[in-house]
Structures are given as structure tokens and as C-alpha cells.
Amino acid sequence: MRKVERVNGKAREGLTSAGIFHQICSALRCFHDCKGTPNDCQLTINPLIRTYHEIIIKERSINVPATPRARLAKAGSKIRGKARIKAKLEPVILEHAVPAHEVVCRLMDLDPGDPHFDLKVSGTLEDTFYVAWVVKDEHAKLNVKHMHNLPVALEATVQELAQLRYKHSDVPMPTWD
């Protein structure tokens, strides 16, 4: 029988954030034990990071920032059917301001032999947790090939690097606390 848990009063099936976190750590350990290629590791961890962040948003009831166009589209998201089509509401996408690929690369650089490995993985996931709602064409601008990785800047924080990515793609910047 599948376990159904309650998150913020709502039933939820599947893995918890802790379960997904342990899958990420296990995949990293397997990679470092030469039981897979870097590509294997990236393909395994990338969707786990996305799912982990989505669950964290729900578990912590995080208010995710949005670009102005995404805010309008989300406000109209309660409109259904033909009225929605007439209103020309754009689809809204959860964008990782720090690309998941960048997070995977940072995680793969960690040493699983370190006694604080799990803490470092947790710290990396928390430090790179900048997500925002954007509309489809803004998402496309942020994900063009040269924008996939964060622009290089000396001594910049992860948040500053994410802001550079938005600036270079001409997408309005959501504000993170």
C-alpha cells in the first residue's frame, strides 16, 4: 500500500523532501565510487533537484516571486475554459534562477568521503534555491544555450550570479528575500 502523507493539510503521495535528498546523496556517492558516468549522474540528479525544490515550496509554504507578466498570468489562472483562451493567459513555468545543471555541477564537485558530505549537499541545495515564476517566452530567453550556465563573475554570490543571468537575458528580475 502506498504511503499518503499530509503537507499543509493536503494529501500528498510519493517521496518526501528527505527521501529525495537521500536519493541525491546516493546518486552522488555512486558517481564518485565509479559506478556511473558524469552524464548518468547528471541525468539522475537533475530531475531530483527540480522535484526536491517543488516539494520544499509546498512543505514550507514559500511565496515564490514572479516576473510582472507571470504575476498577471497567475492572477488570471483561476479563469477556466474559453474565457481563459480569450484572455490569452500565458502558461507559467517554475524557473530555477540558478540552473539545475549548475547545481548538479556544484554537487558533483563535493567529496562523499567528507564526514560532513550530507551537510554540504544540503547547504548547496539551500544556497542555490532561487526559483521564480516566469512565462514561457521569458523561460526560453533564460534558457538559450549561452545563458544555460551562470555568467562568470569574480567573488559574486549565487544570488548575484542569478541576477546577472536575468539581466543578460532582458527578463525582468523577480526579487528574492
N, C-alpha and C. Protein backbone atom coordinates (compact mmCIF):
# COMPACT_ATOMS: atom_id res chain seq x y z
N MET A 1 0.84 -1.19 0.00
CA MET A 1 0.00 0.00 0.00
C MET A 1 0.88 1.24 0.00
N ARG A 2 0.56 2.22 -0.82
CA ARG A 2 1.33 3.45 -0.91
C ARG A 2 1.07 4.33 0.30
N LYS A 3 2.14 4.97 0.73
CA LYS A 3 2.02 5.89 1.86
C LYS A 3 1.52 7.24 1.34
N VAL A 4 0.51 7.77 2.00
CA VAL A 4 0.00 9.09 1.67
C VAL A 4 0.28 9.97 2.87
N GLU A 5 0.97 11.07 2.66
CA GLU A 5 1.29 11.96 3.76
C GLU A 5 0.50 13.26 3.61
N ARG A 6 0.48 14.02 4.66
CA ARG A 6 -0.20 15.31 4.65
C ARG A 6 0.84 16.42 4.68
N VAL A 7 0.74 17.34 3.73
CA VAL A 7 1.61 18.51 3.67
C VAL A 7 0.68 19.72 3.65
N ASN A 8 0.80 20.56 4.67
CA ASN A 8 -0.06 21.74 4.79
C ASN A 8 -1.55 21.38 4.67
N GLY A 9 -1.91 20.26 5.30
CA GLY A 9 -3.31 19.87 5.32
C GLY A 9 -3.80 19.17 4.07
N LYS A 10 -2.94 18.97 3.08
CA LYS A 10 -3.34 18.33 1.84
C LYS A 10 -2.64 16.98 1.71
N ALA A 11 -3.35 15.99 1.17
CA ALA A 11 -2.77 14.66 0.97
C ALA A 11 -1.75 14.74 -0.15
N ARG A 12 -0.65 14.03 0.03
CA ARG A 12 0.41 14.01 -0.97
C ARG A 12 0.98 12.61 -1.04
N GLU A 13 1.08 12.06 -2.25
CA GLU A 13 1.65 10.75 -2.45
C GLU A 13 3.08 10.90 -2.94
N GLY A 14 3.90 9.92 -2.63
CA GLY A 14 5.26 9.91 -3.16
C GLY A 14 6.30 10.22 -2.12
N LEU A 15 7.51 10.47 -2.60
CA LEU A 15 8.63 10.71 -1.71
C LEU A 15 8.54 12.06 -1.01
N THR A 16 9.08 12.12 0.17
CA THR A 16 9.18 13.38 0.91
C THR A 16 10.45 14.09 0.46
N SER A 17 10.64 15.30 0.92
CA SER A 17 11.88 16.02 0.59
C SER A 17 13.08 15.27 1.16
N ALA A 18 12.93 14.65 2.34
CA ALA A 18 14.04 13.88 2.94
C ALA A 18 14.37 12.67 2.07
N GLY A 19 13.35 12.00 1.53
CA GLY A 19 13.58 10.84 0.66
C GLY A 19 14.31 11.23 -0.62
N ILE A 20 13.90 12.34 -1.21
CA ILE A 20 14.55 12.81 -2.43
C ILE A 20 15.98 13.26 -2.13
N PHE A 21 16.18 13.92 -0.98
CA PHE A 21 17.52 14.34 -0.57
C PHE A 21 18.45 13.13 -0.48
N HIS A 22 17.98 12.04 0.11
CA HIS A 22 18.81 10.84 0.24
C HIS A 22 19.07 10.19 -1.11
N GLN A 23 18.13 10.29 -2.04
CA GLN A 23 18.38 9.79 -3.40
C GLN A 23 19.48 10.60 -4.08
N ILE A 24 19.46 11.91 -3.88
CA ILE A 24 20.51 12.77 -4.46
C ILE A 24 21.87 12.38 -3.90
N CYS A 25 21.95 12.23 -2.57
CA CYS A 25 23.22 11.84 -1.93
C CYS A 25 23.68 10.47 -2.43
N SER A 26 22.77 9.53 -2.57
CA SER A 26 23.13 8.18 -3.05
C SER A 26 23.65 8.22 -4.48
N ALA A 27 23.01 9.00 -5.33
CA ALA A 27 23.47 9.12 -6.73
C ALA A 27 24.87 9.72 -6.78
N LEU A 28 25.14 10.71 -5.93
CA LEU A 28 26.47 11.33 -5.89
C LEU A 28 27.52 10.34 -5.41
N ARG A 29 27.17 9.55 -4.39
CA ARG A 29 28.11 8.55 -3.87
C ARG A 29 28.41 7.50 -4.93
N CYS A 30 27.37 7.04 -5.66
CA CYS A 30 27.58 6.06 -6.73
C CYS A 30 28.49 6.61 -7.81
N PHE A 31 28.28 7.87 -8.17
CA PHE A 31 29.12 8.50 -9.19
C PHE A 31 30.58 8.53 -8.74
N HIS A 32 30.80 8.93 -7.50
CA HIS A 32 32.18 9.03 -7.01
C HIS A 32 32.82 7.67 -6.77
N ASP A 33 32.02 6.62 -6.64
CA ASP A 33 32.55 5.26 -6.49
C ASP A 33 32.77 4.62 -7.85
N CYS A 34 32.74 5.44 -8.92
CA CYS A 34 32.98 5.00 -10.30
C CYS A 34 31.95 3.96 -10.75
N LYS A 35 30.72 4.12 -10.31
CA LYS A 35 29.66 3.20 -10.73
C LYS A 35 28.77 3.85 -11.78
N GLY A 36 29.24 4.92 -12.36
CA GLY A 36 28.47 5.59 -13.40
C GLY A 36 29.27 6.72 -14.00
N THR A 37 28.80 7.21 -15.11
CA THR A 37 29.47 8.31 -15.80
C THR A 37 28.93 9.63 -15.26
N PRO A 38 29.63 10.74 -15.53
CA PRO A 38 29.10 12.05 -15.15
C PRO A 38 27.72 12.30 -15.76
N ASN A 39 27.51 11.84 -16.99
CA ASN A 39 26.22 12.01 -17.63
C ASN A 39 25.13 11.24 -16.88
N ASP A 40 25.45 10.01 -16.44
CA ASP A 40 24.49 9.23 -15.66
C ASP A 40 24.08 10.01 -14.41
N CYS A 41 25.07 10.56 -13.74
CA CYS A 41 24.84 11.30 -12.51
C CYS A 41 23.97 12.54 -12.78
N GLN A 42 24.31 13.28 -13.82
CA GLN A 42 23.55 14.49 -14.14
C GLN A 42 22.11 14.16 -14.50
N LEU A 43 21.91 13.10 -15.31
CA LEU A 43 20.55 12.73 -15.72
C LEU A 43 19.71 12.22 -14.55
N THR A 44 20.37 11.66 -13.55
CA THR A 44 19.65 11.18 -12.37
C THR A 44 19.31 12.32 -11.43
N ILE A 45 20.28 13.19 -11.17
CA ILE A 45 20.12 14.22 -10.15
C ILE A 45 19.29 15.41 -10.63
N ASN A 46 19.39 15.78 -11.89
CA ASN A 46 18.69 16.96 -12.40
C ASN A 46 17.19 16.94 -12.09
N PRO A 47 16.45 15.88 -12.45
CA PRO A 47 15.02 15.88 -12.12
C PRO A 47 14.76 15.79 -10.62
N LEU A 48 15.68 15.15 -9.89
CA LEU A 48 15.52 15.07 -8.43
C LEU A 48 15.60 16.46 -7.80
N ILE A 49 16.51 17.30 -8.30
CA ILE A 49 16.65 18.67 -7.78
C ILE A 49 15.36 19.45 -8.02
N ARG A 50 14.82 19.33 -9.23
CA ARG A 50 13.59 20.04 -9.56
C ARG A 50 12.44 19.59 -8.65
N THR A 51 12.30 18.28 -8.47
CA THR A 51 11.25 17.74 -7.61
C THR A 51 11.47 18.15 -6.16
N TYR A 52 12.72 18.10 -5.72
CA TYR A 52 13.06 18.49 -4.35
C TYR A 52 12.62 19.93 -4.07
N HIS A 53 12.96 20.83 -5.00
CA HIS A 53 12.60 22.24 -4.81
C HIS A 53 11.08 22.44 -4.84
N GLU A 54 10.38 21.72 -5.72
CA GLU A 54 8.91 21.84 -5.77
C GLU A 54 8.29 21.39 -4.45
N ILE A 55 8.80 20.31 -3.88
CA ILE A 55 8.27 19.81 -2.62
C ILE A 55 8.60 20.77 -1.48
N ILE A 56 9.81 21.32 -1.48
CA ILE A 56 10.20 22.28 -0.44
C ILE A 56 9.27 23.49 -0.47
N ILE A 57 8.91 23.96 -1.66
CA ILE A 57 7.99 25.10 -1.78
C ILE A 57 6.67 24.77 -1.08
N LYS A 58 6.16 23.56 -1.30
CA LYS A 58 4.89 23.16 -0.70
C LYS A 58 5.04 22.95 0.81
N GLU A 59 6.09 22.25 1.23
CA GLU A 59 6.28 21.94 2.64
C GLU A 59 6.46 23.20 3.48
N ARG A 60 7.18 24.17 2.94
CA ARG A 60 7.48 25.39 3.70
C ARG A 60 6.51 26.53 3.40
N SER A 61 5.55 26.28 2.53
CA SER A 61 4.59 27.31 2.10
C SER A 61 5.31 28.58 1.66
N ILE A 62 6.28 28.40 0.77
CA ILE A 62 7.09 29.52 0.30
C ILE A 62 6.33 30.31 -0.76
N ASN A 63 6.34 31.62 -0.63
CA ASN A 63 5.75 32.50 -1.62
C ASN A 63 6.81 32.75 -2.69
N VAL A 64 6.64 32.15 -3.84
CA VAL A 64 7.63 32.23 -4.92
C VAL A 64 7.45 33.54 -5.68
N PRO A 65 8.55 34.30 -5.87
CA PRO A 65 8.45 35.56 -6.63
C PRO A 65 8.13 35.28 -8.10
N ALA A 66 7.66 36.31 -8.79
CA ALA A 66 7.30 36.16 -10.19
C ALA A 66 7.66 37.42 -10.96
N THR A 67 7.89 37.26 -12.25
CA THR A 67 8.10 38.42 -13.11
C THR A 67 6.73 39.08 -13.28
N PRO A 68 6.70 40.35 -13.71
CA PRO A 68 5.40 41.04 -13.85
C PRO A 68 4.40 40.29 -14.75
N ARG A 69 4.86 39.77 -15.87
CA ARG A 69 3.95 39.05 -16.77
C ARG A 69 3.46 37.75 -16.14
N ALA A 70 4.33 37.07 -15.40
CA ALA A 70 3.93 35.83 -14.73
C ALA A 70 2.92 36.12 -13.62
N ARG A 71 3.09 37.26 -12.93
CA ARG A 71 2.14 37.65 -11.89
C ARG A 71 0.74 37.83 -12.48
N LEU A 72 0.67 38.50 -13.63
CA LEU A 72 -0.62 38.70 -14.30
C LEU A 72 -1.23 37.37 -14.72
N ALA A 73 -0.40 36.49 -15.28
CA ALA A 73 -0.89 35.19 -15.73
C ALA A 73 -1.36 34.34 -14.55
N LYS A 74 -0.63 34.41 -13.44
CA LYS A 74 -1.03 33.65 -12.25
C LYS A 74 -2.32 34.21 -11.66
N ALA A 75 -2.48 35.52 -11.70
CA ALA A 75 -3.70 36.14 -11.17
C ALA A 75 -4.91 35.69 -11.97
N GLY A 76 -4.72 35.50 -13.26
CA GLY A 76 -5.81 35.06 -14.12
C GLY A 76 -5.94 33.55 -14.22
N SER A 77 -5.11 32.82 -13.46
CA SER A 77 -5.11 31.36 -13.58
C SER A 77 -6.40 30.71 -13.09
N LYS A 78 -7.23 31.45 -12.38
CA LYS A 78 -8.49 30.90 -11.91
C LYS A 78 -9.55 30.90 -13.02
N ILE A 79 -9.26 31.62 -14.10
CA ILE A 79 -10.17 31.66 -15.25
C ILE A 79 -10.03 30.33 -15.99
N ARG A 80 -11.15 29.71 -16.34
CA ARG A 80 -11.13 28.41 -17.00
C ARG A 80 -11.81 28.47 -18.36
N GLY A 81 -11.55 27.46 -19.16
CA GLY A 81 -12.25 27.25 -20.42
C GLY A 81 -11.99 28.32 -21.47
N LYS A 82 -13.05 28.65 -22.22
CA LYS A 82 -12.94 29.59 -23.33
C LYS A 82 -12.55 30.99 -22.87
N ALA A 83 -12.98 31.36 -21.67
CA ALA A 83 -12.63 32.69 -21.14
C ALA A 83 -11.12 32.82 -20.99
N ARG A 84 -10.47 31.73 -20.61
CA ARG A 84 -9.01 31.74 -20.46
C ARG A 84 -8.34 31.94 -21.83
N ILE A 85 -8.87 31.27 -22.84
CA ILE A 85 -8.31 31.40 -24.19
C ILE A 85 -8.50 32.83 -24.69
N LYS A 86 -9.68 33.40 -24.46
CA LYS A 86 -9.95 34.79 -24.88
C LYS A 86 -9.04 35.77 -24.16
N ALA A 87 -8.77 35.51 -22.89
CA ALA A 87 -7.91 36.40 -22.12
C ALA A 87 -6.44 36.26 -22.53
N LYS A 88 -6.12 35.24 -23.33
CA LYS A 88 -4.76 34.98 -23.81
C LYS A 88 -3.76 34.91 -22.65
N LEU A 89 -4.12 34.13 -21.64
CA LEU A 89 -3.23 33.96 -20.49
C LEU A 89 -2.08 33.04 -20.86
N GLU A 90 -0.91 33.46 -20.52
CA GLU A 90 0.28 32.71 -20.86
C GLU A 90 0.54 31.61 -19.84
N PRO A 91 1.11 30.47 -20.29
CA PRO A 91 1.45 29.43 -19.32
C PRO A 91 2.60 29.92 -18.42
N VAL A 92 2.53 29.55 -17.16
CA VAL A 92 3.52 29.97 -16.18
C VAL A 92 4.40 28.77 -15.83
N ILE A 93 5.72 29.01 -15.75
CA ILE A 93 6.70 27.95 -15.51
C ILE A 93 7.54 28.31 -14.29
N LEU A 94 7.84 27.30 -13.47
CA LEU A 94 8.73 27.50 -12.33
C LEU A 94 10.17 27.45 -12.84
N GLU A 95 10.82 28.60 -12.83
CA GLU A 95 12.18 28.76 -13.35
C GLU A 95 13.19 28.71 -12.22
N HIS A 96 14.24 27.93 -12.42
CA HIS A 96 15.34 27.91 -11.46
C HIS A 96 16.34 28.99 -11.87
N ALA A 97 16.41 30.05 -11.08
CA ALA A 97 17.32 31.15 -11.40
C ALA A 97 18.77 30.67 -11.42
N VAL A 98 19.07 29.72 -10.55
CA VAL A 98 20.35 29.03 -10.63
C VAL A 98 20.02 27.74 -11.36
N PRO A 99 20.45 27.58 -12.61
CA PRO A 99 20.04 26.42 -13.40
C PRO A 99 20.36 25.10 -12.68
N ALA A 100 19.46 24.14 -12.82
CA ALA A 100 19.65 22.84 -12.17
C ALA A 100 20.98 22.22 -12.59
N HIS A 101 21.38 22.45 -13.84
CA HIS A 101 22.67 21.93 -14.32
C HIS A 101 23.82 22.49 -13.50
N GLU A 102 23.75 23.77 -13.18
CA GLU A 102 24.78 24.40 -12.35
C GLU A 102 24.80 23.80 -10.95
N VAL A 103 23.62 23.53 -10.40
CA VAL A 103 23.53 22.91 -9.07
C VAL A 103 24.14 21.52 -9.11
N VAL A 104 23.83 20.75 -10.16
CA VAL A 104 24.38 19.40 -10.31
C VAL A 104 25.91 19.46 -10.36
N CYS A 105 26.45 20.39 -11.13
CA CYS A 105 27.92 20.52 -11.22
C CYS A 105 28.53 20.82 -9.86
N ARG A 106 27.90 21.70 -9.10
CA ARG A 106 28.41 22.03 -7.76
C ARG A 106 28.34 20.81 -6.84
N LEU A 107 27.26 20.03 -6.95
CA LEU A 107 27.12 18.83 -6.13
C LEU A 107 28.15 17.77 -6.50
N MET A 108 28.42 17.63 -7.80
CA MET A 108 29.38 16.63 -8.25
C MET A 108 30.80 16.96 -7.81
N ASP A 109 31.07 18.22 -7.50
CA ASP A 109 32.40 18.62 -7.02
C ASP A 109 32.61 18.29 -5.55
N LEU A 110 31.54 17.94 -4.83
CA LEU A 110 31.67 17.61 -3.41
C LEU A 110 32.28 16.23 -3.22
N ASP A 111 33.00 16.04 -2.13
CA ASP A 111 33.66 14.77 -1.83
C ASP A 111 32.79 13.93 -0.89
N PRO A 112 32.28 12.77 -1.37
CA PRO A 112 31.43 11.94 -0.50
C PRO A 112 32.20 11.33 0.67
N GLY A 113 33.53 11.36 0.62
CA GLY A 113 34.33 10.86 1.73
C GLY A 113 34.39 11.82 2.90
N ASP A 114 33.97 13.05 2.67
CA ASP A 114 33.95 14.07 3.72
C ASP A 114 32.91 13.69 4.77
N PRO A 115 33.29 13.74 6.06
CA PRO A 115 32.32 13.37 7.10
C PRO A 115 31.09 14.30 7.14
N HIS A 116 31.19 15.47 6.53
CA HIS A 116 30.07 16.42 6.51
C HIS A 116 29.43 16.49 5.12
N PHE A 117 29.57 15.41 4.35
CA PHE A 117 29.07 15.37 2.98
C PHE A 117 27.58 15.71 2.91
N ASP A 118 26.75 15.06 3.72
CA ASP A 118 25.30 15.31 3.67
C ASP A 118 24.98 16.77 3.99
N LEU A 119 25.72 17.34 4.95
CA LEU A 119 25.50 18.76 5.29
C LEU A 119 25.87 19.67 4.13
N LYS A 120 26.96 19.32 3.43
CA LYS A 120 27.39 20.13 2.29
C LYS A 120 26.39 20.03 1.13
N VAL A 121 25.85 18.83 0.92
CA VAL A 121 24.83 18.66 -0.13
C VAL A 121 23.60 19.51 0.24
N SER A 122 23.17 19.39 1.48
CA SER A 122 22.03 20.17 1.96
C SER A 122 22.29 21.67 1.82
N GLY A 123 23.49 22.10 2.20
CA GLY A 123 23.87 23.51 2.08
C GLY A 123 23.85 23.99 0.65
N THR A 124 24.36 23.16 -0.27
CA THR A 124 24.37 23.53 -1.68
C THR A 124 22.94 23.65 -2.21
N LEU A 125 22.08 22.70 -1.85
CA LEU A 125 20.68 22.76 -2.30
C LEU A 125 19.98 24.00 -1.76
N GLU A 126 20.27 24.36 -0.52
CA GLU A 126 19.66 25.56 0.08
C GLU A 126 20.23 26.85 -0.53
N ASP A 127 21.55 26.88 -0.71
CA ASP A 127 22.21 28.08 -1.23
C ASP A 127 21.80 28.40 -2.67
N THR A 128 21.42 27.38 -3.42
CA THR A 128 21.06 27.58 -4.83
C THR A 128 19.56 27.58 -5.05
N PHE A 129 18.79 27.69 -3.97
CA PHE A 129 17.34 27.61 -4.05
C PHE A 129 16.75 28.98 -4.37
N TYR A 130 16.87 29.37 -5.62
CA TYR A 130 16.27 30.61 -6.11
C TYR A 130 15.37 30.23 -7.28
N VAL A 131 14.08 30.24 -7.05
CA VAL A 131 13.13 29.91 -8.10
C VAL A 131 12.18 31.09 -8.28
N ALA A 132 11.60 31.18 -9.45
CA ALA A 132 10.66 32.27 -9.74
C ALA A 132 9.68 31.79 -10.80
N TRP A 133 8.49 32.36 -10.77
CA TRP A 133 7.52 32.10 -11.82
C TRP A 133 7.81 33.01 -13.00
N VAL A 134 7.88 32.44 -14.19
CA VAL A 134 8.08 33.19 -15.42
C VAL A 134 7.11 32.66 -16.47
N VAL A 135 6.87 33.43 -17.51
CA VAL A 135 6.04 32.94 -18.61
C VAL A 135 6.93 32.23 -19.62
N LYS A 136 6.31 31.53 -20.54
CA LYS A 136 7.02 30.63 -21.46
C LYS A 136 8.14 31.32 -22.25
N ASP A 137 7.88 32.49 -22.85
CA ASP A 137 8.92 33.12 -23.66
C ASP A 137 10.06 33.67 -22.80
N GLU A 138 9.76 34.10 -21.56
CA GLU A 138 10.83 34.53 -20.65
C GLU A 138 11.71 33.33 -20.29
N HIS A 139 11.07 32.19 -20.09
CA HIS A 139 11.80 30.96 -19.79
C HIS A 139 12.73 30.60 -20.95
N ALA A 140 12.22 30.75 -22.17
CA ALA A 140 13.04 30.46 -23.35
C ALA A 140 14.25 31.39 -23.43
N LYS A 141 14.06 32.68 -23.14
CA LYS A 141 15.18 33.64 -23.15
C LYS A 141 16.24 33.27 -22.12
N LEU A 142 15.78 32.81 -20.95
CA LEU A 142 16.72 32.45 -19.88
C LEU A 142 17.45 31.15 -20.18
N ASN A 143 16.89 30.33 -21.06
CA ASN A 143 17.48 29.03 -21.32
C ASN A 143 18.17 28.88 -22.67
N VAL A 144 18.41 29.99 -23.37
CA VAL A 144 19.19 29.86 -24.60
C VAL A 144 20.56 29.32 -24.22
N LYS A 145 21.18 28.65 -25.16
CA LYS A 145 22.40 27.89 -24.86
C LYS A 145 23.44 28.68 -24.06
N HIS A 146 23.74 29.91 -24.46
CA HIS A 146 24.80 30.65 -23.75
C HIS A 146 24.35 31.14 -22.37
N MET A 147 23.03 31.08 -22.09
CA MET A 147 22.55 31.52 -20.78
C MET A 147 22.30 30.34 -19.84
N HIS A 148 22.51 29.11 -20.33
CA HIS A 148 22.20 27.93 -19.52
C HIS A 148 23.03 27.90 -18.24
N ASN A 149 24.31 28.18 -18.37
CA ASN A 149 25.15 28.27 -17.18
C ASN A 149 25.20 29.72 -16.72
N LEU A 150 25.52 29.89 -15.47
CA LEU A 150 25.57 31.24 -14.92
C LEU A 150 26.75 32.01 -15.50
N PRO A 151 26.58 33.30 -15.77
CA PRO A 151 27.71 34.11 -16.22
C PRO A 151 28.80 34.13 -15.14
N VAL A 152 30.02 34.18 -15.57
CA VAL A 152 31.13 34.15 -14.62
C VAL A 152 31.36 35.55 -14.06
N ALA A 153 31.47 35.64 -12.75
CA ALA A 153 31.79 36.90 -12.10
C ALA A 153 32.65 36.59 -10.88
N LEU A 154 33.72 37.32 -10.73
CA LEU A 154 34.63 37.06 -9.62
C LEU A 154 33.99 37.46 -8.29
N GLU A 155 34.12 36.60 -7.31
CA GLU A 155 33.66 36.85 -5.94
C GLU A 155 32.19 37.28 -5.86
N ALA A 156 31.33 36.69 -6.68
CA ALA A 156 29.91 37.01 -6.64
C ALA A 156 29.16 35.90 -5.90
N THR A 157 28.10 36.27 -5.21
CA THR A 157 27.28 35.27 -4.53
C THR A 157 26.41 34.57 -5.57
N VAL A 158 25.81 33.46 -5.17
CA VAL A 158 24.92 32.72 -6.06
C VAL A 158 23.76 33.62 -6.48
N GLN A 159 23.23 34.41 -5.56
CA GLN A 159 22.11 35.30 -5.88
C GLN A 159 22.54 36.36 -6.90
N GLU A 160 23.75 36.90 -6.74
CA GLU A 160 24.24 37.90 -7.71
C GLU A 160 24.43 37.28 -9.09
N LEU A 161 24.90 36.04 -9.12
CA LEU A 161 25.08 35.36 -10.41
C LEU A 161 23.72 35.12 -11.08
N ALA A 162 22.73 34.74 -10.28
CA ALA A 162 21.38 34.52 -10.83
C ALA A 162 20.82 35.84 -11.38
N GLN A 163 21.06 36.93 -10.66
CA GLN A 163 20.59 38.24 -11.13
C GLN A 163 21.27 38.63 -12.44
N LEU A 164 22.55 38.29 -12.59
CA LEU A 164 23.25 38.55 -13.84
C LEU A 164 22.60 37.80 -15.00
N ARG A 165 22.19 36.58 -14.75
CA ARG A 165 21.55 35.76 -15.78
C ARG A 165 20.27 36.45 -16.28
N TYR A 166 19.48 36.97 -15.37
CA TYR A 166 18.25 37.68 -15.76
C TYR A 166 18.59 38.95 -16.53
N LYS A 167 19.57 39.69 -16.03
CA LYS A 167 19.95 40.95 -16.66
C LYS A 167 20.42 40.72 -18.10
N HIS A 168 21.25 39.69 -18.32
CA HIS A 168 21.79 39.42 -19.65
C HIS A 168 20.75 38.87 -20.61
N SER A 169 19.64 38.38 -20.10
CA SER A 169 18.60 37.83 -20.97
C SER A 169 17.44 38.80 -21.19
N ASP A 170 17.53 39.99 -20.58
CA ASP A 170 16.47 41.01 -20.71
C ASP A 170 15.12 40.54 -20.19
N VAL A 171 15.15 39.75 -19.12
CA VAL A 171 13.91 39.33 -18.45
C VAL A 171 13.83 40.13 -17.16
N PRO A 172 12.65 40.72 -16.85
CA PRO A 172 12.53 41.49 -15.61
C PRO A 172 12.89 40.63 -14.39
N MET A 173 13.59 41.21 -13.49
CA MET A 173 14.11 40.50 -12.33
C MET A 173 13.07 40.34 -11.23
N PRO A 174 12.76 39.08 -10.84
CA PRO A 174 11.94 38.91 -9.64
C PRO A 174 12.82 39.24 -8.42
N THR A 175 12.23 39.55 -7.30
CA THR A 175 13.05 39.86 -6.12
C THR A 175 12.98 38.71 -5.13
N TRP A 176 14.14 38.30 -4.65
CA TRP A 176 14.25 37.26 -3.66
C TRP A 176 14.63 37.91 -2.35
N ASP A 177 14.08 37.40 -1.26
CA ASP A 177 14.40 37.93 0.07
C ASP A 177 15.73 37.39 0.55
